[in-house]
Amino acid sequence: MAKKDKTIEVTVNDIERNNQPIQQVFIGKQLIGEILPDQEKFKATMLTNQAQFFVHSQEEGLAMILQEYHLHK
């Protein structure tokens, strides 16, 4: 029996903290991670388990956060 697909709302908010741009990743109303610039790369951080990933772009950081979230959900 096939499972029915669920629609999940993913929101990315751009904020500034300490004069540094940050992208906050939300699933529904729950904040699950942040992406911030780190020299020439980006650091994607999961807020649930504090896992950190160093990636080349913000899009790659978003993909890593969503992968990690769904892996441990």
C-alpha atoms as a PDB file:
ATOM      1  CA  MET A   1       0.000   0.000   0.000  1.00  0.00           C
ATOM      2  CA  ALA A   2       1.508   3.349  -1.039  1.00  0.00           C
ATOM      3  CA  LYS A   3       1.775   6.201   1.392  1.00  0.00           C
ATOM      4  CA  LYS A   4       0.086   9.454   0.585  1.00  0.00           C
ATOM      5  CA  ASP A   5       2.422  12.404  -0.058  1.00  0.00           C
ATOM      6  CA  LYS A   6       2.398  15.106   2.608  1.00  0.00           C
ATOM      7  CA  THR A   7       2.795  18.788   1.837  1.00  0.00           C
ATOM      8  CA  ILE A   8       5.448  20.377   4.019  1.00  0.00           C
ATOM      9  CA  GLU A   9       5.861  24.140   4.257  1.00  0.00           C
ATOM     10  CA  VAL A  10       9.536  25.202   4.178  1.00  0.00           C
ATOM     11  CA  THR A  11      10.296  28.877   4.795  1.00  0.00           C
ATOM     12  CA  VAL A  12      13.653  30.670   4.601  1.00  0.00           C
ATOM     13  CA  ASN A  13      13.930  34.022   6.392  1.00  0.00           C
ATOM     14  CA  ASP A  14      16.849  36.404   5.844  1.00  0.00           C
ATOM     15  CA  ILE A  15      17.911  38.199   9.019  1.00  0.00           C
ATOM     16  CA  GLU A  16      20.974  40.055  10.209  1.00  0.00           C
ATOM     17  CA  ARG A  17      22.768  39.246  13.465  1.00  0.00           C
ATOM     18  CA  ASN A  18      25.921  41.099  14.544  1.00  0.00           C
ATOM     19  CA  ASN A  19      26.114  42.760  11.097  1.00  0.00           C
ATOM     20  CA  GLN A  20      26.215  39.315   9.449  1.00  0.00           C
ATOM     21  CA  PRO A  21      23.480  38.027   7.090  1.00  0.00           C
ATOM     22  CA  ILE A  22      21.892  34.755   8.209  1.00  0.00           C
ATOM     23  CA  GLN A  23      19.260  32.540   6.611  1.00  0.00           C
ATOM     24  CA  GLN A  24      16.929  30.813   9.048  1.00  0.00           C
ATOM     25  CA  VAL A  25      15.228  27.627   7.817  1.00  0.00           C
ATOM     26  CA  PHE A  26      11.747  26.830   9.159  1.00  0.00           C
ATOM     27  CA  ILE A  27       9.514  23.811   8.665  1.00  0.00           C
ATOM     28  CA  GLY A  28       6.072  25.084   9.509  1.00  0.00           C
ATOM     29  CA  LYS A  29       6.716  27.352  12.499  1.00  0.00           C
ATOM     30  CA  GLN A  30       9.665  25.333  13.831  1.00  0.00           C
ATOM     31  CA  LEU A  31      13.177  26.741  13.325  1.00  0.00           C
ATOM     32  CA  ILE A  32      15.377  23.796  12.278  1.00  0.00           C
ATOM     33  CA  GLY A  33      18.609  25.400  11.090  1.00  0.00           C
ATOM     34  CA  GLU A  34      20.652  28.406  10.046  1.00  0.00           C
ATOM     35  CA  ILE A  35      22.997  29.157   7.161  1.00  0.00           C
ATOM     36  CA  LEU A  36      25.673  31.804   7.599  1.00  0.00           C
ATOM     37  CA  PRO A  37      28.686  32.926   5.567  1.00  0.00           C
ATOM     38  CA  ASP A  38      32.084  31.639   6.753  1.00  0.00           C
ATOM     39  CA  GLN A  39      34.887  33.285   4.774  1.00  0.00           C
ATOM     40  CA  GLU A  40      34.473  31.964   1.194  1.00  0.00           C
ATOM     41  CA  LYS A  41      32.081  29.134   2.126  1.00  0.00           C
ATOM     42  CA  PHE A  42      28.888  28.794   4.136  1.00  0.00           C
ATOM     43  CA  LYS A  43      28.199  27.058   7.444  1.00  0.00           C
ATOM     44  CA  ALA A  44      24.883  25.246   7.773  1.00  0.00           C
ATOM     45  CA  THR A  45      23.942  24.458  11.377  1.00  0.00           C
ATOM     46  CA  MET A  46      21.157  22.188  12.602  1.00  0.00           C
ATOM     47  CA  LEU A  47      19.609  23.601  15.774  1.00  0.00           C
ATOM     48  CA  THR A  48      18.302  20.273  17.091  1.00  0.00           C
ATOM     49  CA  ASN A  49      21.628  18.423  17.371  1.00  0.00           C
ATOM     50  CA  GLN A  50      24.114  21.265  16.640  1.00  0.00           C
ATOM     51  CA  ALA A  51      25.491  19.395  13.582  1.00  0.00           C
ATOM     52  CA  GLN A  52      27.493  21.703  11.316  1.00  0.00           C
ATOM     53  CA  PHE A  53      28.195  21.377   7.600  1.00  0.00           C
ATOM     54  CA  PHE A  54      30.566  23.490   5.516  1.00  0.00           C
ATOM     55  CA  VAL A  55      29.219  23.952   1.986  1.00  0.00           C
ATOM     56  CA  HIS A  56      30.003  26.020  -1.115  1.00  0.00           C
ATOM     57  CA  SER A  57      26.625  27.775  -1.530  1.00  0.00           C
ATOM     58  CA  GLN A  58      23.513  28.761   0.404  1.00  0.00           C
ATOM     59  CA  GLU A  59      21.418  26.400  -1.735  1.00  0.00           C
ATOM     60  CA  GLU A  60      23.699  23.487  -0.824  1.00  0.00           C
ATOM     61  CA  GLY A  61      23.388  24.472   2.850  1.00  0.00           C
ATOM     62  CA  LEU A  62      19.600  24.478   2.592  1.00  0.00           C
ATOM     63  CA  ALA A  63      19.662  21.023   0.990  1.00  0.00           C
ATOM     64  CA  MET A  64      21.946  19.660   3.755  1.00  0.00           C
ATOM     65  CA  ILE A  65      19.705  21.020   6.517  1.00  0.00           C
ATOM     66  CA  LEU A  66      16.582  19.517   4.927  1.00  0.00           C
ATOM     67  CA  GLN A  67      18.336  16.168   4.349  1.00  0.00           C
ATOM     68  CA  GLU A  68      19.550  16.010   7.946  1.00  0.00           C
ATOM     69  CA  TYR A  69      16.108  16.991   9.278  1.00  0.00           C
ATOM     70  CA  HIS A  70      14.311  14.296   7.294  1.00  0.00           C
ATOM     71  CA  LEU A  71      16.953  11.687   8.099  1.00  0.00           C
ATOM     72  CA  HIS A  72      16.407  12.069  11.839  1.00  0.00           C
ATOM     73  CA  LYS A  73      12.673  12.817  11.785  1.00  0.00           C
END
